[in-house]
Amino acid sequence: MRHRGEYRVSVAKDYLVFASAHFITFAGHRCETLHGHNYRASVMIEGALEPDSWYVFDFVTLKRIMRKLCDEIDHKVLLATENPHLQIAEQGDSVTVAYDGTPRYVFPKRDCALLPVPNTTVEMLAELLTERLQSELAKEGAAGLRAIEMEVEENFGQSATYRLTLGEASR
């Protein structure tokens, strides 16, 4: 039997959610107020069939990894550490946030997720989750993957999707 087509598997489960607070900065030196969303993540991976199992990747493992990634940022204040307008500092058990030098927030450190992104938009969250998933898939020995596509929804009908095409080195 010849397999000439492409294979994609996807996971979109009710438990792949994270309820988090955030704010984003806008052009023109504007910063929105702190607010929250009940985010939902879904993922699609594309690749060759594993020769021994005849699947792209094990669903059980993919669901476990995605749940872990969502849980890491669930019930947290999402803070963008690479935003040039934000000054974020850890002081003891607290995290202080200033916007363009003006103090804005103080949070308990345990309630924060310091994320290496320039802004906590759904676009950046989708890219970050994709990168973290790629790292976890590599640890699991995933081979033959060609792409990862992550969708993060912040409200019903309002989402962003990031697609990472993997090079030859990832195969």
N, C-alpha and C. Protein backbone atom coordinates (compact mmCIF):
# COMPACT_ATOMS: atom_id res chain seq x y z
N MET A 1 0.85 -1.18 0.00
CA MET A 1 0.00 0.00 0.00
C MET A 1 0.89 1.24 0.00
N ARG A 2 0.65 2.14 -0.93
CA ARG A 2 1.45 3.36 -1.03
C ARG A 2 0.71 4.50 -0.36
N HIS A 3 1.46 5.33 0.35
CA HIS A 3 0.89 6.47 1.07
C HIS A 3 1.49 7.74 0.47
N ARG A 4 0.81 8.29 -0.52
CA ARG A 4 1.33 9.44 -1.23
C ARG A 4 0.80 10.76 -0.69
N GLY A 5 -0.25 10.72 0.07
CA GLY A 5 -0.85 11.95 0.59
C GLY A 5 -0.12 12.46 1.82
N GLU A 6 -0.65 13.53 2.36
CA GLU A 6 -0.13 14.12 3.59
C GLU A 6 -1.06 13.78 4.73
N TYR A 7 -0.50 13.72 5.92
CA TYR A 7 -1.29 13.41 7.10
C TYR A 7 -1.21 14.56 8.09
N ARG A 8 -2.36 14.87 8.68
CA ARG A 8 -2.44 15.88 9.74
C ARG A 8 -3.29 15.30 10.86
N VAL A 9 -2.87 15.53 12.06
CA VAL A 9 -3.69 15.17 13.21
C VAL A 9 -3.90 16.42 14.04
N SER A 10 -5.05 16.50 14.66
CA SER A 10 -5.34 17.69 15.47
C SER A 10 -5.98 17.30 16.79
N VAL A 11 -5.78 18.19 17.75
CA VAL A 11 -6.34 18.02 19.08
C VAL A 11 -6.98 19.35 19.49
N ALA A 12 -8.26 19.29 19.84
CA ALA A 12 -9.00 20.44 20.35
C ALA A 12 -9.93 19.90 21.43
N LYS A 13 -9.48 19.97 22.67
CA LYS A 13 -10.23 19.39 23.78
C LYS A 13 -10.75 20.47 24.72
N ASP A 14 -11.83 20.16 25.44
CA ASP A 14 -12.39 21.12 26.39
C ASP A 14 -11.42 21.51 27.49
N TYR A 15 -10.47 20.66 27.81
CA TYR A 15 -9.53 20.95 28.90
C TYR A 15 -8.26 21.66 28.42
N LEU A 16 -8.16 21.95 27.14
CA LEU A 16 -7.01 22.71 26.64
C LEU A 16 -7.33 24.20 26.70
N VAL A 17 -7.51 24.66 27.92
CA VAL A 17 -7.91 26.04 28.18
C VAL A 17 -7.01 26.62 29.26
N PHE A 18 -6.94 27.94 29.28
CA PHE A 18 -6.28 28.63 30.37
C PHE A 18 -6.98 29.96 30.58
N ALA A 19 -7.34 30.22 31.83
CA ALA A 19 -7.99 31.47 32.20
C ALA A 19 -6.89 32.36 32.77
N SER A 20 -6.57 33.41 32.03
CA SER A 20 -5.43 34.24 32.40
C SER A 20 -5.75 35.71 32.23
N ALA A 21 -5.02 36.53 33.01
CA ALA A 21 -5.13 37.98 32.89
C ALA A 21 -3.98 38.48 32.03
N HIS A 22 -4.22 39.59 31.34
CA HIS A 22 -3.16 40.19 30.54
C HIS A 22 -3.55 41.62 30.19
N PHE A 23 -2.61 42.31 29.61
CA PHE A 23 -2.86 43.61 28.98
C PHE A 23 -1.85 43.70 27.84
N ILE A 24 -2.20 44.45 26.81
CA ILE A 24 -1.26 44.63 25.71
C ILE A 24 -0.96 46.12 25.56
N THR A 25 0.17 46.38 24.94
CA THR A 25 0.54 47.76 24.65
C THR A 25 0.29 48.00 23.16
N PHE A 26 -0.07 49.23 22.85
CA PHE A 26 -0.40 49.61 21.48
C PHE A 26 0.56 50.68 20.99
N ALA A 27 0.58 50.87 19.69
CA ALA A 27 1.34 51.97 19.11
C ALA A 27 0.81 53.29 19.66
N GLY A 28 1.65 54.28 19.73
CA GLY A 28 1.22 55.58 20.22
C GLY A 28 1.24 55.67 21.73
N HIS A 29 2.03 54.82 22.36
CA HIS A 29 2.23 54.85 23.82
C HIS A 29 0.91 54.67 24.57
N ARG A 30 0.18 53.65 24.20
CA ARG A 30 -1.06 53.32 24.90
C ARG A 30 -0.93 51.94 25.51
N CYS A 31 -1.50 51.77 26.68
CA CYS A 31 -1.48 50.49 27.37
C CYS A 31 -2.90 50.21 27.86
N GLU A 32 -3.44 49.06 27.45
CA GLU A 32 -4.81 48.76 27.87
C GLU A 32 -4.84 48.32 29.32
N THR A 33 -6.02 48.30 29.89
CA THR A 33 -6.17 47.91 31.29
C THR A 33 -6.07 46.39 31.44
N LEU A 34 -5.72 45.98 32.61
CA LEU A 34 -5.63 44.57 32.94
C LEU A 34 -7.02 43.95 32.83
N HIS A 35 -7.10 42.82 32.15
CA HIS A 35 -8.36 42.10 32.00
C HIS A 35 -8.05 40.63 31.75
N GLY A 36 -9.05 39.80 31.66
CA GLY A 36 -8.80 38.38 31.48
C GLY A 36 -9.61 37.76 30.36
N HIS A 37 -9.16 36.57 29.99
CA HIS A 37 -9.85 35.78 28.97
C HIS A 37 -9.86 34.32 29.40
N ASN A 38 -10.83 33.59 28.91
CA ASN A 38 -10.82 32.14 29.00
C ASN A 38 -10.34 31.64 27.64
N TYR A 39 -9.02 31.49 27.55
CA TYR A 39 -8.39 31.10 26.29
C TYR A 39 -8.63 29.61 26.02
N ARG A 40 -8.64 29.27 24.74
CA ARG A 40 -8.74 27.88 24.32
C ARG A 40 -7.67 27.64 23.27
N ALA A 41 -6.94 26.54 23.41
CA ALA A 41 -5.89 26.20 22.45
C ALA A 41 -6.27 24.94 21.69
N SER A 42 -5.87 24.89 20.43
CA SER A 42 -5.99 23.67 19.64
C SER A 42 -4.76 23.59 18.76
N VAL A 43 -4.39 22.37 18.41
CA VAL A 43 -3.16 22.18 17.66
C VAL A 43 -3.37 21.17 16.55
N MET A 44 -2.64 21.38 15.45
CA MET A 44 -2.60 20.43 14.35
C MET A 44 -1.13 20.18 14.05
N ILE A 45 -0.77 18.92 13.93
CA ILE A 45 0.59 18.60 13.50
C ILE A 45 0.51 17.81 12.21
N GLU A 46 1.47 18.09 11.34
CA GLU A 46 1.51 17.48 10.02
C GLU A 46 2.82 16.74 9.88
N GLY A 47 2.76 15.56 9.30
CA GLY A 47 4.00 14.84 9.10
C GLY A 47 3.80 13.47 8.49
N ALA A 48 4.92 12.79 8.39
CA ALA A 48 4.92 11.45 7.83
C ALA A 48 4.42 10.45 8.88
N LEU A 49 3.94 9.33 8.43
CA LEU A 49 3.52 8.28 9.35
C LEU A 49 4.75 7.63 9.96
N GLU A 50 4.67 7.35 11.26
CA GLU A 50 5.74 6.59 11.91
C GLU A 50 5.64 5.16 11.39
N PRO A 51 6.76 4.58 10.97
CA PRO A 51 6.70 3.28 10.30
C PRO A 51 6.20 2.13 11.17
N ASP A 52 6.43 2.18 12.47
CA ASP A 52 5.99 1.07 13.33
C ASP A 52 4.56 1.21 13.82
N SER A 53 4.08 2.43 13.91
CA SER A 53 2.75 2.65 14.50
C SER A 53 1.69 3.05 13.48
N TRP A 54 2.10 3.56 12.35
CA TRP A 54 1.20 4.04 11.31
C TRP A 54 0.38 5.25 11.75
N TYR A 55 0.97 6.09 12.58
CA TYR A 55 0.35 7.36 12.92
C TYR A 55 1.40 8.47 12.87
N VAL A 56 0.93 9.72 12.80
CA VAL A 56 1.84 10.86 12.76
C VAL A 56 2.48 11.04 14.13
N PHE A 57 1.64 11.01 15.16
CA PHE A 57 2.12 11.11 16.54
C PHE A 57 1.00 10.61 17.45
N ASP A 58 1.39 10.06 18.57
CA ASP A 58 0.45 9.48 19.53
C ASP A 58 -0.47 10.56 20.13
N PHE A 59 -1.78 10.41 19.95
CA PHE A 59 -2.75 11.36 20.50
C PHE A 59 -2.63 11.49 22.01
N VAL A 60 -2.45 10.40 22.71
CA VAL A 60 -2.39 10.44 24.18
C VAL A 60 -1.24 11.34 24.63
N THR A 61 -0.09 11.18 24.01
CA THR A 61 1.07 11.99 24.37
C THR A 61 0.85 13.45 23.97
N LEU A 62 0.30 13.70 22.79
CA LEU A 62 0.03 15.06 22.34
C LEU A 62 -0.93 15.77 23.29
N LYS A 63 -1.99 15.09 23.71
CA LYS A 63 -2.95 15.69 24.64
C LYS A 63 -2.30 15.99 25.99
N ARG A 64 -1.45 15.08 26.46
CA ARG A 64 -0.77 15.28 27.75
C ARG A 64 0.14 16.50 27.69
N ILE A 65 0.91 16.62 26.62
CA ILE A 65 1.82 17.76 26.47
C ILE A 65 1.02 19.07 26.39
N MET A 66 -0.02 19.10 25.57
CA MET A 66 -0.81 20.32 25.43
C MET A 66 -1.47 20.72 26.74
N ARG A 67 -1.94 19.74 27.49
CA ARG A 67 -2.56 20.06 28.79
C ARG A 67 -1.53 20.68 29.72
N LYS A 68 -0.32 20.12 29.73
CA LYS A 68 0.75 20.66 30.58
C LYS A 68 1.08 22.10 30.18
N LEU A 69 1.18 22.37 28.89
CA LEU A 69 1.50 23.73 28.43
C LEU A 69 0.42 24.72 28.81
N CYS A 70 -0.84 24.33 28.70
CA CYS A 70 -1.94 25.20 29.10
C CYS A 70 -1.96 25.40 30.61
N ASP A 71 -1.73 24.34 31.36
CA ASP A 71 -1.73 24.43 32.82
C ASP A 71 -0.65 25.37 33.34
N GLU A 72 0.49 25.44 32.63
CA GLU A 72 1.59 26.30 33.07
C GLU A 72 1.22 27.78 33.09
N ILE A 73 0.26 28.18 32.27
CA ILE A 73 -0.13 29.59 32.22
C ILE A 73 -1.57 29.83 32.67
N ASP A 74 -2.20 28.79 33.18
CA ASP A 74 -3.58 28.90 33.67
C ASP A 74 -3.60 29.65 35.00
N HIS A 75 -4.57 30.55 35.14
CA HIS A 75 -4.74 31.34 36.35
C HIS A 75 -3.48 32.12 36.70
N LYS A 76 -2.89 32.72 35.67
CA LYS A 76 -1.70 33.55 35.83
C LYS A 76 -1.93 34.90 35.17
N VAL A 77 -1.13 35.87 35.58
CA VAL A 77 -1.05 37.14 34.88
C VAL A 77 0.06 36.96 33.86
N LEU A 78 -0.26 37.11 32.59
CA LEU A 78 0.70 36.92 31.52
C LEU A 78 1.46 38.23 31.27
N LEU A 79 2.78 38.17 31.44
CA LEU A 79 3.60 39.37 31.31
C LEU A 79 4.63 39.18 30.20
N ALA A 80 4.71 40.14 29.30
CA ALA A 80 5.61 40.09 28.15
C ALA A 80 6.97 40.66 28.53
N THR A 81 7.96 39.80 28.70
CA THR A 81 9.28 40.25 29.15
C THR A 81 10.10 40.92 28.05
N GLU A 82 9.70 40.78 26.79
CA GLU A 82 10.45 41.38 25.69
C GLU A 82 9.79 42.64 25.13
N ASN A 83 8.87 43.22 25.89
CA ASN A 83 8.19 44.43 25.46
C ASN A 83 9.05 45.63 25.86
N PRO A 84 9.48 46.45 24.89
CA PRO A 84 10.36 47.57 25.22
C PRO A 84 9.69 48.66 26.07
N HIS A 85 8.36 48.66 26.15
CA HIS A 85 7.65 49.66 26.95
C HIS A 85 7.43 49.23 28.39
N LEU A 86 7.66 47.95 28.67
CA LEU A 86 7.43 47.44 30.02
C LEU A 86 8.74 47.22 30.74
N GLN A 87 8.75 47.57 32.00
CA GLN A 87 9.88 47.27 32.86
C GLN A 87 9.34 46.31 33.92
N ILE A 88 9.80 45.07 33.85
CA ILE A 88 9.33 44.02 34.74
C ILE A 88 10.48 43.61 35.64
N ALA A 89 10.25 43.63 36.94
CA ALA A 89 11.31 43.29 37.89
C ALA A 89 10.77 42.36 38.97
N GLU A 90 11.55 41.35 39.28
CA GLU A 90 11.22 40.45 40.39
C GLU A 90 11.89 40.98 41.64
N GLN A 91 11.11 41.16 42.69
CA GLN A 91 11.63 41.65 43.96
C GLN A 91 11.06 40.77 45.07
N GLY A 92 11.89 39.85 45.56
CA GLY A 92 11.42 38.91 46.57
C GLY A 92 10.31 38.05 46.02
N ASP A 93 9.16 38.09 46.67
CA ASP A 93 8.02 37.29 46.25
C ASP A 93 7.05 38.07 45.35
N SER A 94 7.51 39.23 44.85
CA SER A 94 6.66 40.08 44.03
C SER A 94 7.26 40.33 42.66
N VAL A 95 6.39 40.70 41.73
CA VAL A 95 6.79 41.15 40.40
C VAL A 95 6.20 42.54 40.23
N THR A 96 7.06 43.50 39.91
CA THR A 96 6.57 44.86 39.65
C THR A 96 6.60 45.11 38.16
N VAL A 97 5.60 45.85 37.70
CA VAL A 97 5.49 46.18 36.28
C VAL A 97 5.31 47.69 36.15
N ALA A 98 6.17 48.29 35.34
CA ALA A 98 6.04 49.70 35.01
C ALA A 98 5.83 49.79 33.50
N TYR A 99 5.07 50.78 33.09
CA TYR A 99 4.85 51.05 31.68
C TYR A 99 5.52 52.38 31.35
N ASP A 100 6.52 52.34 30.48
CA ASP A 100 7.32 53.52 30.12
C ASP A 100 7.77 54.30 31.37
N GLY A 101 8.24 53.55 32.36
CA GLY A 101 8.79 54.15 33.57
C GLY A 101 7.80 54.52 34.64
N THR A 102 6.52 54.39 34.36
CA THR A 102 5.49 54.73 35.35
C THR A 102 5.01 53.45 36.03
N PRO A 103 5.15 53.36 37.36
CA PRO A 103 4.68 52.15 38.06
C PRO A 103 3.21 51.88 37.75
N ARG A 104 2.92 50.60 37.52
CA ARG A 104 1.56 50.25 37.12
C ARG A 104 0.97 49.15 37.99
N TYR A 105 1.74 48.04 38.21
CA TYR A 105 1.21 46.90 38.94
C TYR A 105 2.28 46.28 39.83
N VAL A 106 1.81 45.64 40.90
CA VAL A 106 2.64 44.75 41.72
C VAL A 106 1.82 43.47 41.90
N PHE A 107 2.41 42.34 41.52
CA PHE A 107 1.73 41.05 41.60
C PHE A 107 2.54 40.09 42.46
N PRO A 108 1.86 39.13 43.10
CA PRO A 108 2.62 38.03 43.72
C PRO A 108 3.32 37.23 42.61
N LYS A 109 4.57 36.90 42.81
CA LYS A 109 5.35 36.19 41.78
C LYS A 109 4.68 34.88 41.38
N ARG A 110 4.10 34.17 42.35
CA ARG A 110 3.49 32.87 42.06
C ARG A 110 2.29 32.99 41.12
N ASP A 111 1.74 34.19 41.00
CA ASP A 111 0.58 34.42 40.14
C ASP A 111 0.95 34.90 38.74
N CYS A 112 2.25 34.98 38.44
CA CYS A 112 2.69 35.53 37.16
C CYS A 112 3.34 34.47 36.27
N ALA A 113 3.16 34.65 34.98
CA ALA A 113 3.88 33.88 33.97
C ALA A 113 4.68 34.89 33.16
N LEU A 114 5.99 34.88 33.36
CA LEU A 114 6.88 35.79 32.63
C LEU A 114 7.21 35.13 31.30
N LEU A 115 6.69 35.71 30.23
CA LEU A 115 6.77 35.07 28.92
C LEU A 115 7.73 35.81 28.00
N PRO A 116 8.60 35.08 27.29
CA PRO A 116 9.56 35.72 26.40
C PRO A 116 8.93 36.12 25.06
N VAL A 117 8.00 37.08 25.14
CA VAL A 117 7.29 37.59 23.97
C VAL A 117 7.27 39.12 24.05
N PRO A 118 7.08 39.80 22.91
CA PRO A 118 7.02 41.26 22.93
C PRO A 118 5.66 41.82 23.36
N ASN A 119 4.61 41.01 23.33
CA ASN A 119 3.28 41.43 23.75
C ASN A 119 2.46 40.16 23.99
N THR A 120 1.46 40.25 24.83
CA THR A 120 0.67 39.05 25.15
C THR A 120 -0.59 38.97 24.28
N THR A 121 -0.41 39.21 23.00
CA THR A 121 -1.50 39.05 22.03
C THR A 121 -1.71 37.56 21.77
N VAL A 122 -2.86 37.21 21.23
CA VAL A 122 -3.10 35.80 20.91
C VAL A 122 -2.13 35.31 19.84
N GLU A 123 -1.68 36.20 18.97
CA GLU A 123 -0.69 35.81 17.97
C GLU A 123 0.60 35.34 18.65
N MET A 124 1.06 36.12 19.63
CA MET A 124 2.30 35.79 20.33
C MET A 124 2.12 34.56 21.22
N LEU A 125 0.95 34.40 21.82
CA LEU A 125 0.68 33.22 22.64
C LEU A 125 0.67 31.96 21.77
N ALA A 126 0.10 32.06 20.57
CA ALA A 126 0.09 30.92 19.66
C ALA A 126 1.50 30.54 19.25
N GLU A 127 2.34 31.53 18.96
CA GLU A 127 3.72 31.24 18.58
C GLU A 127 4.49 30.63 19.75
N LEU A 128 4.32 31.19 20.94
CA LEU A 128 5.01 30.67 22.12
C LEU A 128 4.61 29.23 22.42
N LEU A 129 3.33 28.94 22.38
CA LEU A 129 2.87 27.57 22.62
C LEU A 129 3.41 26.62 21.56
N THR A 130 3.50 27.08 20.31
CA THR A 130 4.06 26.25 19.25
C THR A 130 5.51 25.92 19.53
N GLU A 131 6.29 26.92 19.92
CA GLU A 131 7.71 26.69 20.22
C GLU A 131 7.88 25.73 21.38
N ARG A 132 7.06 25.90 22.40
CA ARG A 132 7.14 25.01 23.56
C ARG A 132 6.70 23.60 23.19
N LEU A 133 5.68 23.48 22.37
CA LEU A 133 5.25 22.16 21.92
C LEU A 133 6.33 21.50 21.08
N GLN A 134 6.95 22.24 20.18
CA GLN A 134 8.01 21.68 19.35
C GLN A 134 9.13 21.10 20.23
N SER A 135 9.51 21.82 21.26
CA SER A 135 10.55 21.34 22.17
C SER A 135 10.12 20.05 22.88
N GLU A 136 8.88 20.01 23.33
CA GLU A 136 8.37 18.82 24.01
C GLU A 136 8.27 17.63 23.05
N LEU A 137 7.84 17.88 21.82
CA LEU A 137 7.75 16.80 20.84
C LEU A 137 9.13 16.23 20.54
N ALA A 138 10.14 17.09 20.47
CA ALA A 138 11.51 16.62 20.24
C ALA A 138 11.97 15.72 21.39
N LYS A 139 11.63 16.10 22.62
CA LYS A 139 12.00 15.28 23.79
C LYS A 139 11.33 13.91 23.72
N GLU A 140 10.15 13.87 23.11
CA GLU A 140 9.40 12.61 22.98
C GLU A 140 9.86 11.78 21.79
N GLY A 141 10.83 12.31 21.02
CA GLY A 141 11.36 11.57 19.88
C GLY A 141 10.51 11.65 18.63
N ALA A 142 9.65 12.67 18.53
CA ALA A 142 8.82 12.82 17.34
C ALA A 142 9.71 12.99 16.11
N ALA A 143 9.42 12.24 15.07
CA ALA A 143 10.20 12.31 13.83
C ALA A 143 9.26 12.49 12.66
N GLY A 144 9.77 13.06 11.60
CA GLY A 144 9.00 13.18 10.38
C GLY A 144 7.96 14.28 10.39
N LEU A 145 8.01 15.18 11.38
CA LEU A 145 7.03 16.26 11.42
C LEU A 145 7.41 17.35 10.42
N ARG A 146 6.40 17.86 9.71
CA ARG A 146 6.62 18.90 8.72
C ARG A 146 6.09 20.26 9.17
N ALA A 147 5.08 20.26 10.05
CA ALA A 147 4.51 21.54 10.47
C ALA A 147 3.73 21.36 11.77
N ILE A 148 3.68 22.45 12.51
CA ILE A 148 2.83 22.56 13.70
C ILE A 148 1.99 23.81 13.51
N GLU A 149 0.70 23.67 13.72
CA GLU A 149 -0.20 24.81 13.61
C GLU A 149 -0.97 24.93 14.91
N MET A 150 -0.87 26.08 15.55
CA MET A 150 -1.49 26.31 16.86
C MET A 150 -2.51 27.43 16.73
N GLU A 151 -3.71 27.18 17.24
CA GLU A 151 -4.73 28.22 17.30
C GLU A 151 -5.00 28.54 18.76
N VAL A 152 -5.03 29.82 19.08
CA VAL A 152 -5.40 30.27 20.42
C VAL A 152 -6.58 31.21 20.27
N GLU A 153 -7.65 30.87 20.96
CA GLU A 153 -8.88 31.65 20.92
C GLU A 153 -9.00 32.40 22.24
N GLU A 154 -9.25 33.72 22.18
CA GLU A 154 -9.41 34.48 23.42
C GLU A 154 -10.87 34.74 23.74
N ASN A 155 -11.70 34.71 22.77
CA ASN A 155 -13.15 34.81 22.91
C ASN A 155 -13.76 33.97 21.80
N PHE A 156 -15.00 33.58 21.98
CA PHE A 156 -15.66 32.81 20.94
C PHE A 156 -15.58 33.55 19.62
N GLY A 157 -15.06 32.89 18.60
CA GLY A 157 -14.98 33.48 17.28
C GLY A 157 -13.86 34.50 17.09
N GLN A 158 -12.93 34.57 18.04
CA GLN A 158 -11.84 35.55 17.99
C GLN A 158 -10.55 34.83 18.34
N SER A 159 -9.75 34.51 17.33
CA SER A 159 -8.55 33.71 17.57
C SER A 159 -7.43 34.09 16.62
N ALA A 160 -6.26 33.56 16.91
CA ALA A 160 -5.11 33.71 16.02
C ALA A 160 -4.50 32.33 15.83
N THR A 161 -3.93 32.10 14.66
CA THR A 161 -3.29 30.83 14.34
C THR A 161 -1.86 31.10 13.91
N TYR A 162 -0.95 30.30 14.43
CA TYR A 162 0.46 30.39 14.05
C TYR A 162 0.86 29.05 13.45
N ARG A 163 1.53 29.08 12.31
CA ARG A 163 1.98 27.87 11.64
C ARG A 163 3.50 27.90 11.56
N LEU A 164 4.12 26.87 12.08
CA LEU A 164 5.57 26.70 12.01
C LEU A 164 5.86 25.57 11.05
N THR A 165 6.57 25.88 9.96
CA THR A 165 7.00 24.86 9.03
C THR A 165 8.38 24.40 9.46
N LEU A 166 8.52 23.11 9.67
CA LEU A 166 9.77 22.56 10.18
C LEU A 166 10.71 22.22 9.04
N GLY A 167 11.99 22.47 9.24
CA GLY A 167 13.00 22.20 8.21
C GLY A 167 13.45 20.76 8.24
N GLU A 168 14.37 20.46 7.36
CA GLU A 168 14.91 19.11 7.23
C GLU A 168 15.52 18.62 8.54
N ALA A 169 16.09 19.51 9.35
CA ALA A 169 16.74 19.10 10.58
C ALA A 169 15.76 18.51 11.58
N SER A 170 14.49 18.90 11.46
CA SER A 170 13.47 18.41 12.41
C SER A 170 12.89 17.08 12.00
N ARG A 171 13.23 16.60 10.84
CA ARG A 171 12.61 15.36 10.34
C ARG A 171 13.32 14.15 10.82
